[in-house]
Structures are given as structure tokens and as C-alpha cells.
Amino acid sequence: MKLLLIILCGIPGLLWAQNMDGIAFKNPDISKTHPELAKVLKQDDTDAQLFINRRFTCNEFTMRFLIQRSSGVLVENIDRAGFEQETGVSFQTEGNLPKLNLYYVNLTHAASGFYHAIGAYLVNPLAPEKVESYIFFEPQTDEVMLTPKDIFNKYQRFYGKLPDAKVEASISELISYKFNGNIYQNRTERILSFIISR
């Protein structure tokens, strides 16, 4: 398996991370089709946090959401105190918060400087290698995208309306968040990669 190592100030895109405030998107009602995700999105307060350039960006929004809500994140691999100190944002402390099969999604359109992180929810655990087994969410706003095409349409303003625009995407499991001696970094393990286009 390939390991994807994201070093917080090491990828240029994280320096120009995308703030999603004010981005309009028609959010589908998932309360009947995916009530467990609807409940978690409502209970989690990550979307109430402030975007702080170079400190609490799309990467940290997604990581915080996953650390709090993903059933796959191992507590012993996460330096929660370090995350809070580094970002200035505390975790929720409401007892046992529900956990789901949640994953880290990296979106890249390098030509336009679009580098973004969102979350994915695995709705079909029997086929985690298929992109159709996931629905996606924006941790900054709690908006849900049911398909990769929805992702493309939501963020289109960042990479233009070029007919040949393609966004590279990958879905990964969050493995750890720790201090490496110089900086804090998160490590993810890639499950699948795909291209999103019109």
C-alpha cells in the first residue's frame, strides 16, 4: 500500500488552502437516506470553527472532524493536545460522540493552485475500492456531495470552467497526527485515487 504523507507547510497548496465561507451549494437532504451521517454532521461543531490561513485550514477542518468522528482513527496515534496547541482549536468534549466510517479526501487541480481537503463517508463497506461506495462532505460547512460530479461542480469556481478541467482526487484513511521533531504532520494511507471531470 502506498503511504501518503502530508506535511503541514510542505505542500504549497496548504499554504493557499481554500476557505469555503460564502460558497453557495444546494445541500441534498440526507436525513432519510443517510440519517447517521446527517446526525453526525448536526452534532459535530467543526463547521462552527473559524478558518485561519496557515493555522486552521481545510486540512485541519477535515482532520478535526475525522479525529472526533471516524471509527477508523486510533486514539493512540493522534496527539490531540498537540493538534489543539498547534491550531488553537479544541476538540468537542461531549462524552461518546457517534463514530462512522469516515475518510480524508484530497482534491488537486495544480494548474489553478486548487488544493483542498474534504471528508468522505463509506456507505458501502463491501466495496471500499469503488468511488461509488462513498458520499462526500465539506467539514467547513457540513455540505454533502453525493457523487464526484457534485464535488467538481461545487468547487468549479476555483479551477475555472475549462472544458478539459480535471481534478485529481484520493480517498485515504487518517493514520496519525504527531510531532516529528520539527513540525506536526498527519499521515494518511491511500485507499483509492480517481479523476473528476465534467
N, C-alpha and C. Protein backbone atom coordinates (compact mmCIF):
# COMPACT_ATOMS: atom_id res chain seq x y z
N MET A 1 0.84 -1.19 0.00
CA MET A 1 0.00 0.00 0.00
C MET A 1 0.88 1.25 0.00
N LYS A 2 0.43 2.20 -0.75
CA LYS A 2 1.18 3.46 -0.81
C LYS A 2 0.82 4.31 0.40
N LEU A 3 1.79 4.97 0.93
CA LEU A 3 1.54 5.90 2.03
C LEU A 3 1.60 7.31 1.50
N LEU A 4 0.65 8.08 1.90
CA LEU A 4 0.62 9.48 1.51
C LEU A 4 0.93 10.29 2.75
N LEU A 5 2.02 11.01 2.69
CA LEU A 5 2.45 11.80 3.83
C LEU A 5 2.20 13.26 3.52
N ILE A 6 1.37 13.88 4.31
CA ILE A 6 1.08 15.30 4.11
C ILE A 6 1.78 16.06 5.21
N ILE A 7 2.74 16.85 4.84
CA ILE A 7 3.49 17.64 5.81
C ILE A 7 2.90 19.03 5.82
N LEU A 8 2.38 19.42 6.96
CA LEU A 8 1.59 20.64 7.03
C LEU A 8 2.26 21.85 6.40
N CYS A 9 2.99 22.39 6.18
CA CYS A 9 3.60 23.51 5.50
C CYS A 9 4.48 23.03 4.36
N GLY A 10 4.45 21.76 4.04
CA GLY A 10 5.32 21.27 2.99
C GLY A 10 4.68 21.24 1.63
N ILE A 11 3.38 21.17 1.55
CA ILE A 11 2.71 21.16 0.26
C ILE A 11 2.26 22.59 -0.02
N PRO A 12 2.65 23.14 -1.15
CA PRO A 12 2.30 24.53 -1.45
C PRO A 12 0.81 24.80 -1.34
N GLY A 13 0.00 23.85 -1.73
CA GLY A 13 -1.44 24.06 -1.70
C GLY A 13 -1.97 24.33 -0.31
N LEU A 14 -1.35 23.76 0.71
CA LEU A 14 -1.83 24.00 2.06
C LEU A 14 -1.54 25.43 2.49
N LEU A 15 -0.56 26.06 1.86
CA LEU A 15 -0.29 27.46 2.16
C LEU A 15 -1.37 28.36 1.56
N TRP A 16 -2.03 27.89 0.51
CA TRP A 16 -3.11 28.62 -0.13
C TRP A 16 -4.39 27.82 -0.02
N ALA A 17 -4.62 27.22 1.14
CA ALA A 17 -5.77 26.37 1.35
C ALA A 17 -7.05 27.15 1.11
N GLN A 18 -8.07 26.43 0.74
CA GLN A 18 -9.31 27.05 0.31
C GLN A 18 -10.27 27.30 1.47
N ASN A 19 -10.71 28.53 1.60
CA ASN A 19 -11.72 28.92 2.57
C ASN A 19 -13.06 28.82 1.87
N MET A 20 -13.99 28.07 2.44
CA MET A 20 -15.27 27.81 1.78
C MET A 20 -16.40 28.74 2.27
N ASP A 21 -16.08 29.74 3.07
CA ASP A 21 -17.12 30.68 3.51
C ASP A 21 -17.78 31.32 2.30
N GLY A 22 -19.09 31.36 2.29
CA GLY A 22 -19.82 32.06 1.26
C GLY A 22 -19.98 31.31 -0.05
N ILE A 23 -19.55 30.05 -0.12
CA ILE A 23 -19.72 29.26 -1.35
C ILE A 23 -21.12 28.65 -1.31
N ALA A 24 -21.96 29.05 -2.25
CA ALA A 24 -23.34 28.55 -2.27
C ALA A 24 -23.37 27.17 -2.91
N PHE A 25 -24.17 26.28 -2.32
CA PHE A 25 -24.32 24.93 -2.84
C PHE A 25 -25.65 24.40 -2.34
N LYS A 26 -26.40 23.77 -3.22
CA LYS A 26 -27.68 23.19 -2.80
C LYS A 26 -27.40 21.87 -2.10
N ASN A 27 -27.62 21.83 -0.81
CA ASN A 27 -27.31 20.67 0.00
C ASN A 27 -28.45 19.66 -0.08
N PRO A 28 -28.16 18.40 -0.49
CA PRO A 28 -29.23 17.41 -0.56
C PRO A 28 -29.69 17.01 0.85
N ASP A 29 -30.93 16.64 0.97
CA ASP A 29 -31.46 16.18 2.25
C ASP A 29 -31.09 14.70 2.40
N ILE A 30 -30.21 14.41 3.33
CA ILE A 30 -29.79 13.02 3.54
C ILE A 30 -30.40 12.43 4.82
N SER A 31 -31.35 13.13 5.43
CA SER A 31 -31.91 12.68 6.69
C SER A 31 -32.63 11.33 6.58
N LYS A 32 -33.14 11.01 5.40
CA LYS A 32 -33.82 9.71 5.21
C LYS A 32 -32.88 8.66 4.62
N THR A 33 -32.02 9.07 3.69
CA THR A 33 -31.14 8.10 3.02
C THR A 33 -29.90 7.76 3.86
N HIS A 34 -29.38 8.73 4.59
CA HIS A 34 -28.18 8.52 5.40
C HIS A 34 -28.35 9.25 6.74
N PRO A 35 -29.33 8.82 7.56
CA PRO A 35 -29.61 9.55 8.81
C PRO A 35 -28.43 9.58 9.78
N GLU A 36 -27.60 8.53 9.76
CA GLU A 36 -26.44 8.50 10.65
C GLU A 36 -25.46 9.62 10.33
N LEU A 37 -25.21 9.89 9.05
CA LEU A 37 -24.32 10.99 8.68
C LEU A 37 -24.98 12.33 8.97
N ALA A 38 -26.26 12.45 8.68
CA ALA A 38 -26.98 13.70 8.98
C ALA A 38 -26.88 14.03 10.46
N LYS A 39 -27.01 13.02 11.32
CA LYS A 39 -26.93 13.23 12.77
C LYS A 39 -25.53 13.68 13.18
N VAL A 40 -24.50 13.02 12.64
CA VAL A 40 -23.12 13.37 12.99
C VAL A 40 -22.78 14.78 12.52
N LEU A 41 -23.21 15.13 11.30
CA LEU A 41 -22.94 16.48 10.80
C LEU A 41 -23.61 17.53 11.69
N LYS A 42 -24.81 17.22 12.15
CA LYS A 42 -25.54 18.17 13.01
C LYS A 42 -24.88 18.30 14.38
N GLN A 43 -24.43 17.19 14.95
CA GLN A 43 -23.84 17.22 16.29
C GLN A 43 -22.43 17.79 16.32
N ASP A 44 -21.67 17.54 15.28
CA ASP A 44 -20.27 17.98 15.26
C ASP A 44 -20.19 19.49 15.06
N ASP A 45 -19.27 20.13 15.78
CA ASP A 45 -19.17 21.60 15.70
C ASP A 45 -17.98 22.08 14.86
N THR A 46 -17.38 21.19 14.07
CA THR A 46 -16.23 21.61 13.26
C THR A 46 -16.60 22.76 12.32
N ASP A 47 -17.80 22.72 11.76
CA ASP A 47 -18.22 23.78 10.83
C ASP A 47 -18.37 25.14 11.51
N ALA A 48 -18.42 25.17 12.82
CA ALA A 48 -18.55 26.44 13.55
C ALA A 48 -17.19 27.10 13.82
N GLN A 49 -16.10 26.41 13.50
CA GLN A 49 -14.76 26.95 13.74
C GLN A 49 -14.42 27.99 12.66
N LEU A 50 -13.48 28.85 12.98
CA LEU A 50 -13.04 29.88 12.04
C LEU A 50 -11.88 29.39 11.19
N PHE A 51 -11.92 29.71 9.91
CA PHE A 51 -10.80 29.44 9.00
C PHE A 51 -9.69 30.44 9.32
N ILE A 52 -8.49 29.93 9.60
CA ILE A 52 -7.34 30.80 9.90
C ILE A 52 -6.22 30.38 8.95
N ASN A 53 -5.89 31.23 8.00
CA ASN A 53 -4.89 30.89 6.99
C ASN A 53 -3.59 30.44 7.64
N ARG A 54 -3.06 29.33 7.17
CA ARG A 54 -1.82 28.71 7.62
C ARG A 54 -1.89 28.14 9.03
N ARG A 55 -3.06 28.15 9.66
CA ARG A 55 -3.17 27.60 11.01
C ARG A 55 -4.33 26.63 11.14
N PHE A 56 -5.50 27.02 10.65
CA PHE A 56 -6.67 26.13 10.71
C PHE A 56 -7.38 26.25 9.36
N THR A 57 -6.93 25.42 8.43
CA THR A 57 -7.40 25.47 7.05
C THR A 57 -8.21 24.21 6.73
N CYS A 58 -8.47 24.00 5.47
CA CYS A 58 -9.27 22.83 5.06
C CYS A 58 -8.68 21.53 5.59
N ASN A 59 -7.35 21.43 5.63
CA ASN A 59 -6.70 20.23 6.16
C ASN A 59 -7.07 20.01 7.62
N GLU A 60 -6.99 21.06 8.42
CA GLU A 60 -7.29 20.94 9.85
C GLU A 60 -8.79 20.74 10.10
N PHE A 61 -9.64 21.40 9.29
CA PHE A 61 -11.08 21.16 9.43
C PHE A 61 -11.36 19.67 9.23
N THR A 62 -10.80 19.11 8.16
CA THR A 62 -11.06 17.70 7.85
C THR A 62 -10.46 16.79 8.92
N MET A 63 -9.23 17.07 9.32
CA MET A 63 -8.60 16.24 10.35
C MET A 63 -9.37 16.28 11.66
N ARG A 64 -9.79 17.46 12.09
CA ARG A 64 -10.53 17.58 13.35
C ARG A 64 -11.80 16.77 13.28
N PHE A 65 -12.52 16.89 12.16
CA PHE A 65 -13.77 16.14 12.01
C PHE A 65 -13.49 14.64 12.10
N LEU A 66 -12.46 14.17 11.39
CA LEU A 66 -12.15 12.74 11.39
C LEU A 66 -11.66 12.26 12.75
N ILE A 67 -10.82 13.04 13.41
CA ILE A 67 -10.32 12.65 14.73
C ILE A 67 -11.49 12.48 15.70
N GLN A 68 -12.46 13.36 15.61
CA GLN A 68 -13.61 13.30 16.51
C GLN A 68 -14.61 12.22 16.12
N ARG A 69 -14.79 11.98 14.81
CA ARG A 69 -15.94 11.20 14.35
C ARG A 69 -15.65 9.93 13.56
N SER A 70 -14.40 9.67 13.19
CA SER A 70 -14.11 8.48 12.38
C SER A 70 -13.86 7.26 13.26
N SER A 71 -14.53 6.17 12.94
CA SER A 71 -14.34 4.93 13.68
C SER A 71 -12.98 4.31 13.39
N GLY A 72 -12.34 4.70 12.31
CA GLY A 72 -11.05 4.13 11.93
C GLY A 72 -9.83 4.81 12.52
N VAL A 73 -10.00 5.96 13.15
CA VAL A 73 -8.86 6.69 13.72
C VAL A 73 -8.52 6.10 15.08
N LEU A 74 -7.28 5.66 15.25
CA LEU A 74 -6.84 5.10 16.52
C LEU A 74 -6.36 6.22 17.44
N VAL A 75 -6.97 6.32 18.60
CA VAL A 75 -6.70 7.39 19.55
C VAL A 75 -5.22 7.48 19.88
N GLU A 76 -4.55 6.34 20.02
CA GLU A 76 -3.14 6.35 20.41
C GLU A 76 -2.22 6.91 19.33
N ASN A 77 -2.72 7.05 18.10
CA ASN A 77 -1.90 7.59 17.01
C ASN A 77 -2.11 9.09 16.81
N ILE A 78 -2.92 9.70 17.65
CA ILE A 78 -3.27 11.12 17.50
C ILE A 78 -2.79 11.90 18.71
N ASP A 79 -1.99 12.92 18.46
CA ASP A 79 -1.57 13.83 19.52
C ASP A 79 -2.61 14.95 19.59
N ARG A 80 -3.67 14.68 20.34
CA ARG A 80 -4.78 15.65 20.43
C ARG A 80 -4.33 16.97 21.06
N ALA A 81 -3.54 16.89 22.10
CA ALA A 81 -3.06 18.12 22.76
C ALA A 81 -2.19 18.92 21.79
N GLY A 82 -1.36 18.23 21.02
CA GLY A 82 -0.52 18.90 20.04
C GLY A 82 -1.35 19.56 18.95
N PHE A 83 -2.42 18.87 18.50
CA PHE A 83 -3.31 19.45 17.49
C PHE A 83 -3.95 20.72 18.02
N GLU A 84 -4.46 20.66 19.25
CA GLU A 84 -5.10 21.83 19.86
C GLU A 84 -4.12 22.98 20.03
N GLN A 85 -2.91 22.67 20.46
CA GLN A 85 -1.90 23.71 20.65
C GLN A 85 -1.49 24.31 19.31
N GLU A 86 -1.29 23.48 18.31
CA GLU A 86 -0.83 23.94 17.00
C GLU A 86 -1.88 24.77 16.28
N THR A 87 -3.16 24.38 16.41
CA THR A 87 -4.23 25.06 15.67
C THR A 87 -4.96 26.12 16.49
N GLY A 88 -4.89 26.01 17.81
CA GLY A 88 -5.66 26.92 18.66
C GLY A 88 -7.13 26.55 18.75
N VAL A 89 -7.49 25.35 18.29
CA VAL A 89 -8.88 24.90 18.29
C VAL A 89 -8.98 23.63 19.13
N SER A 90 -9.91 23.64 20.09
CA SER A 90 -10.12 22.49 20.97
C SER A 90 -11.08 21.49 20.34
N PHE A 91 -10.99 20.26 20.81
CA PHE A 91 -11.93 19.22 20.39
C PHE A 91 -13.20 19.30 21.22
N GLN A 92 -14.27 18.76 20.69
CA GLN A 92 -15.52 18.66 21.45
C GLN A 92 -15.30 17.67 22.59
N THR A 93 -15.98 17.89 23.69
CA THR A 93 -15.81 17.02 24.86
C THR A 93 -17.13 16.42 25.32
N GLU A 94 -18.07 16.24 24.43
CA GLU A 94 -19.39 15.71 24.79
C GLU A 94 -19.41 14.19 24.86
N GLY A 95 -18.87 13.61 25.86
CA GLY A 95 -18.97 12.16 26.06
C GLY A 95 -18.66 11.33 24.84
N ASN A 96 -19.48 10.32 24.60
CA ASN A 96 -19.28 9.41 23.47
C ASN A 96 -19.98 9.92 22.23
N LEU A 97 -19.23 10.57 21.35
CA LEU A 97 -19.79 11.04 20.10
C LEU A 97 -19.88 9.87 19.13
N PRO A 98 -20.96 9.80 18.32
CA PRO A 98 -21.08 8.70 17.35
C PRO A 98 -19.90 8.69 16.38
N LYS A 99 -19.49 7.49 15.99
CA LYS A 99 -18.37 7.32 15.05
C LYS A 99 -18.87 6.61 13.79
N LEU A 100 -18.34 7.03 12.63
CA LEU A 100 -18.71 6.45 11.35
C LEU A 100 -17.45 6.10 10.56
N ASN A 101 -17.63 5.40 9.44
CA ASN A 101 -16.52 5.09 8.53
C ASN A 101 -16.22 6.32 7.69
N LEU A 102 -15.38 7.19 8.22
CA LEU A 102 -15.07 8.46 7.57
C LEU A 102 -13.62 8.48 7.10
N TYR A 103 -13.39 9.20 5.98
CA TYR A 103 -12.08 9.21 5.35
C TYR A 103 -11.69 10.61 4.89
N TYR A 104 -10.39 10.76 4.69
CA TYR A 104 -9.78 12.02 4.25
C TYR A 104 -9.75 12.03 2.72
N VAL A 105 -10.20 13.13 2.11
CA VAL A 105 -10.20 13.26 0.66
C VAL A 105 -9.34 14.45 0.28
N ASN A 106 -8.38 14.20 -0.59
CA ASN A 106 -7.51 15.25 -1.10
C ASN A 106 -7.94 15.58 -2.53
N LEU A 107 -8.15 16.85 -2.83
CA LEU A 107 -8.54 17.32 -4.16
C LEU A 107 -7.44 18.24 -4.68
N THR A 108 -7.03 18.03 -5.94
CA THR A 108 -5.95 18.83 -6.51
C THR A 108 -6.23 19.20 -7.95
N HIS A 109 -6.12 20.48 -8.24
CA HIS A 109 -6.06 20.97 -9.62
C HIS A 109 -4.85 21.91 -9.63
N ALA A 110 -3.68 21.31 -9.84
CA ALA A 110 -2.41 22.03 -9.67
C ALA A 110 -2.28 23.26 -10.55
N ALA A 111 -2.78 23.19 -11.78
CA ALA A 111 -2.62 24.31 -12.72
C ALA A 111 -3.25 25.59 -12.19
N SER A 112 -4.33 25.46 -11.41
CA SER A 112 -5.00 26.65 -10.88
C SER A 112 -4.64 26.91 -9.41
N GLY A 113 -3.82 26.05 -8.81
CA GLY A 113 -3.46 26.23 -7.42
C GLY A 113 -4.54 25.79 -6.45
N PHE A 114 -5.43 24.92 -6.92
CA PHE A 114 -6.51 24.42 -6.07
C PHE A 114 -6.06 23.15 -5.37
N TYR A 115 -5.90 23.23 -4.07
CA TYR A 115 -5.56 22.10 -3.21
C TYR A 115 -6.55 22.15 -2.07
N HIS A 116 -7.30 21.08 -1.87
CA HIS A 116 -8.37 21.15 -0.87
C HIS A 116 -8.56 19.79 -0.21
N ALA A 117 -9.01 19.80 1.03
CA ALA A 117 -9.30 18.59 1.78
C ALA A 117 -10.75 18.61 2.21
N ILE A 118 -11.43 17.48 2.01
CA ILE A 118 -12.81 17.29 2.47
C ILE A 118 -12.90 15.90 3.09
N GLY A 119 -14.10 15.50 3.48
CA GLY A 119 -14.30 14.18 4.06
C GLY A 119 -15.15 13.29 3.17
N ALA A 120 -15.06 11.99 3.42
CA ALA A 120 -15.89 11.01 2.71
C ALA A 120 -16.47 10.05 3.73
N TYR A 121 -17.69 9.61 3.46
CA TYR A 121 -18.37 8.62 4.29
C TYR A 121 -18.57 7.37 3.46
N LEU A 122 -18.09 6.25 3.96
CA LEU A 122 -18.21 4.98 3.25
C LEU A 122 -19.61 4.40 3.49
N VAL A 123 -20.44 4.44 2.46
CA VAL A 123 -21.82 3.94 2.60
C VAL A 123 -21.94 2.48 2.18
N ASN A 124 -20.94 1.95 1.48
CA ASN A 124 -20.94 0.54 1.09
C ASN A 124 -19.63 -0.10 1.53
N PRO A 125 -19.56 -0.60 2.77
CA PRO A 125 -18.31 -1.17 3.29
C PRO A 125 -17.86 -2.42 2.55
N LEU A 126 -18.71 -3.01 1.73
CA LEU A 126 -18.33 -4.21 0.98
C LEU A 126 -17.45 -3.88 -0.23
N ALA A 127 -17.40 -2.61 -0.63
CA ALA A 127 -16.61 -2.23 -1.81
C ALA A 127 -15.88 -0.90 -1.58
N PRO A 128 -14.97 -0.84 -0.59
CA PRO A 128 -14.27 0.43 -0.32
C PRO A 128 -13.34 0.87 -1.45
N GLU A 129 -13.05 -0.02 -2.39
CA GLU A 129 -12.18 0.32 -3.51
C GLU A 129 -12.91 1.03 -4.64
N LYS A 130 -14.23 1.20 -4.52
CA LYS A 130 -15.03 1.84 -5.56
C LYS A 130 -15.49 3.22 -5.10
N VAL A 131 -15.29 4.22 -5.93
CA VAL A 131 -15.66 5.59 -5.58
C VAL A 131 -17.18 5.71 -5.36
N GLU A 132 -17.95 4.86 -6.01
CA GLU A 132 -19.42 4.89 -5.86
C GLU A 132 -19.85 4.47 -4.45
N SER A 133 -18.95 3.94 -3.68
CA SER A 133 -19.26 3.49 -2.32
C SER A 133 -19.19 4.62 -1.30
N TYR A 134 -18.91 5.84 -1.74
CA TYR A 134 -18.72 6.98 -0.83
C TYR A 134 -19.67 8.12 -1.17
N ILE A 135 -20.04 8.87 -0.15
CA ILE A 135 -20.58 10.21 -0.35
C ILE A 135 -19.62 11.16 0.37
N PHE A 136 -19.64 12.41 0.00
CA PHE A 136 -18.60 13.35 0.41
C PHE A 136 -19.22 14.51 1.19
N PHE A 137 -18.42 15.12 2.05
CA PHE A 137 -18.91 16.27 2.81
C PHE A 137 -17.80 17.28 3.02
N GLU A 138 -18.22 18.53 3.13
CA GLU A 138 -17.32 19.66 3.35
C GLU A 138 -17.34 19.98 4.85
N PRO A 139 -16.28 19.66 5.60
CA PRO A 139 -16.27 19.90 7.04
C PRO A 139 -16.41 21.37 7.44
N GLN A 140 -16.09 22.31 6.53
CA GLN A 140 -16.21 23.73 6.86
C GLN A 140 -17.66 24.19 6.88
N THR A 141 -18.53 23.49 6.16
CA THR A 141 -19.92 23.95 6.01
C THR A 141 -20.96 22.87 6.24
N ASP A 142 -20.55 21.62 6.40
CA ASP A 142 -21.44 20.45 6.51
C ASP A 142 -22.21 20.15 5.24
N GLU A 143 -21.82 20.71 4.12
CA GLU A 143 -22.49 20.41 2.86
C GLU A 143 -22.12 19.01 2.40
N VAL A 144 -23.10 18.34 1.77
CA VAL A 144 -22.92 16.97 1.31
C VAL A 144 -22.92 16.93 -0.21
N MET A 145 -22.02 16.13 -0.76
CA MET A 145 -21.94 15.90 -2.20
C MET A 145 -22.08 14.40 -2.42
N LEU A 146 -23.09 14.00 -3.16
CA LEU A 146 -23.41 12.59 -3.31
C LEU A 146 -22.53 11.87 -4.33
N THR A 147 -21.94 12.61 -5.27
CA THR A 147 -21.15 12.00 -6.33
C THR A 147 -19.88 12.83 -6.59
N PRO A 148 -18.90 12.24 -7.26
CA PRO A 148 -17.73 13.03 -7.66
C PRO A 148 -18.10 14.22 -8.54
N LYS A 149 -19.11 14.07 -9.38
CA LYS A 149 -19.54 15.21 -10.21
C LYS A 149 -20.03 16.37 -9.34
N ASP A 150 -20.70 16.06 -8.24
CA ASP A 150 -21.11 17.10 -7.29
C ASP A 150 -19.89 17.83 -6.73
N ILE A 151 -18.83 17.09 -6.45
CA ILE A 151 -17.59 17.70 -5.96
C ILE A 151 -17.06 18.66 -7.02
N PHE A 152 -16.97 18.18 -8.25
CA PHE A 152 -16.46 19.00 -9.35
C PHE A 152 -17.25 20.30 -9.46
N ASN A 153 -18.58 20.18 -9.45
CA ASN A 153 -19.45 21.36 -9.61
C ASN A 153 -19.32 22.32 -8.43
N LYS A 154 -19.21 21.79 -7.22
CA LYS A 154 -19.14 22.66 -6.04
C LYS A 154 -17.90 23.56 -6.06
N TYR A 155 -16.77 23.00 -6.43
CA TYR A 155 -15.51 23.75 -6.35
C TYR A 155 -15.06 24.32 -7.69
N GLN A 156 -15.90 24.26 -8.69
CA GLN A 156 -15.56 24.67 -10.04
C GLN A 156 -15.03 26.09 -10.13
N ARG A 157 -15.50 26.98 -9.31
CA ARG A 157 -15.05 28.38 -9.40
C ARG A 157 -13.57 28.53 -9.11
N PHE A 158 -12.96 27.55 -8.44
CA PHE A 158 -11.54 27.62 -8.11
C PHE A 158 -10.65 27.22 -9.28
N TYR A 159 -11.13 26.40 -10.17
CA TYR A 159 -10.29 25.95 -11.29
C TYR A 159 -10.89 26.28 -12.64
N GLY A 160 -11.87 27.14 -12.64
CA GLY A 160 -12.42 27.65 -13.88
C GLY A 160 -13.39 26.72 -14.57
N LYS A 161 -13.92 27.21 -15.66
CA LYS A 161 -14.92 26.47 -16.40
C LYS A 161 -14.33 25.89 -17.68
N LEU A 162 -13.05 25.57 -17.64
CA LEU A 162 -12.40 24.99 -18.81
C LEU A 162 -13.05 23.64 -19.13
N PRO A 163 -13.33 23.38 -20.39
CA PRO A 163 -13.99 22.13 -20.74
C PRO A 163 -13.15 20.90 -20.43
N ASP A 164 -11.83 21.06 -20.34
CA ASP A 164 -10.97 19.90 -20.08
C ASP A 164 -10.45 19.88 -18.64
N ALA A 165 -11.04 20.66 -17.74
CA ALA A 165 -10.59 20.70 -16.35
C ALA A 165 -10.76 19.32 -15.71
N LYS A 166 -9.71 18.87 -15.05
CA LYS A 166 -9.73 17.60 -14.35
C LYS A 166 -9.16 17.81 -12.96
N VAL A 167 -9.84 17.26 -11.97
CA VAL A 167 -9.40 17.36 -10.59
C VAL A 167 -8.92 15.98 -10.14
N GLU A 168 -7.70 15.92 -9.63
CA GLU A 168 -7.19 14.67 -9.08
C GLU A 168 -7.73 14.53 -7.66
N ALA A 169 -8.21 13.34 -7.34
CA ALA A 169 -8.78 13.11 -6.02
C ALA A 169 -8.25 11.79 -5.45
N SER A 170 -8.13 11.75 -4.14
CA SER A 170 -7.77 10.50 -3.48
C SER A 170 -8.52 10.41 -2.16
N ILE A 171 -8.89 9.19 -1.82
CA ILE A 171 -9.55 8.90 -0.55
C ILE A 171 -8.55 8.11 0.28
N SER A 172 -8.33 8.58 1.51
CA SER A 172 -7.32 7.96 2.38
C SER A 172 -7.84 7.81 3.80
N GLU A 173 -7.24 6.89 4.49
CA GLU A 173 -7.53 6.71 5.91
C GLU A 173 -6.54 7.54 6.71
N LEU A 174 -7.02 8.27 7.72
CA LEU A 174 -6.13 9.04 8.60
C LEU A 174 -5.45 8.07 9.55
N ILE A 175 -4.14 7.98 9.46
CA ILE A 175 -3.36 7.04 10.27
C ILE A 175 -2.84 7.68 11.55
N SER A 176 -2.29 8.90 11.44
CA SER A 176 -1.72 9.52 12.63
C SER A 176 -1.60 11.03 12.47
N TYR A 177 -1.47 11.69 13.60
CA TYR A 177 -1.12 13.11 13.67
C TYR A 177 -0.16 13.24 14.84
N LYS A 178 1.12 13.51 14.52
CA LYS A 178 2.14 13.56 15.56
C LYS A 178 3.22 14.57 15.22
N PHE A 179 4.00 14.92 16.24
CA PHE A 179 5.15 15.80 16.07
C PHE A 179 6.32 14.94 15.62
N ASN A 180 7.00 15.34 14.55
CA ASN A 180 8.10 14.53 14.02
C ASN A 180 9.48 15.04 14.47
N GLY A 181 9.51 15.98 15.39
CA GLY A 181 10.76 16.56 15.83
C GLY A 181 10.96 17.97 15.31
N ASN A 182 10.29 18.28 14.20
CA ASN A 182 10.36 19.62 13.62
C ASN A 182 8.98 20.27 13.51
N ILE A 183 8.03 19.51 12.98
CA ILE A 183 6.68 20.03 12.78
C ILE A 183 5.66 18.94 13.09
N TYR A 184 4.41 19.35 13.27
CA TYR A 184 3.33 18.39 13.36
C TYR A 184 2.94 17.98 11.95
N GLN A 185 2.64 16.72 11.77
CA GLN A 185 2.22 16.24 10.46
C GLN A 185 1.18 15.15 10.61
N ASN A 186 0.32 15.06 9.60
CA ASN A 186 -0.62 13.95 9.58
C ASN A 186 -0.17 12.97 8.51
N ARG A 187 -0.43 11.71 8.75
CA ARG A 187 -0.09 10.67 7.79
C ARG A 187 -1.38 9.95 7.40
N THR A 188 -1.54 9.75 6.12
CA THR A 188 -2.72 9.05 5.63
C THR A 188 -2.28 7.88 4.76
N GLU A 189 -3.15 6.90 4.65
CA GLU A 189 -2.90 5.75 3.78
C GLU A 189 -3.97 5.74 2.70
N ARG A 190 -3.52 5.84 1.46
CA ARG A 190 -4.43 5.96 0.33
C ARG A 190 -5.20 4.66 0.09
N ILE A 191 -6.50 4.81 -0.11
CA ILE A 191 -7.37 3.68 -0.46
C ILE A 191 -7.60 3.63 -1.95
N LEU A 192 -7.89 4.80 -2.53
CA LEU A 192 -8.08 4.86 -3.98
C LEU A 192 -7.87 6.27 -4.49
N SER A 193 -7.54 6.36 -5.77
CA SER A 193 -7.37 7.64 -6.46
C SER A 193 -8.28 7.65 -7.67
N PHE A 194 -8.73 8.84 -8.04
CA PHE A 194 -9.61 8.95 -9.20
C PHE A 194 -9.54 10.37 -9.75
N ILE A 195 -10.01 10.53 -10.98
CA ILE A 195 -10.05 11.84 -11.64
C ILE A 195 -11.50 12.27 -11.74
N ILE A 196 -11.74 13.54 -11.43
CA ILE A 196 -13.09 14.11 -11.53
C ILE A 196 -13.09 15.11 -12.68
N SER A 197 -14.05 14.99 -13.56
CA SER A 197 -14.20 15.96 -14.65
C SER A 197 -15.68 16.12 -14.92
N ARG A 198 -15.98 16.92 -15.94
CA ARG A 198 -17.40 17.16 -16.28
C ARG A 198 -18.14 15.90 -16.57
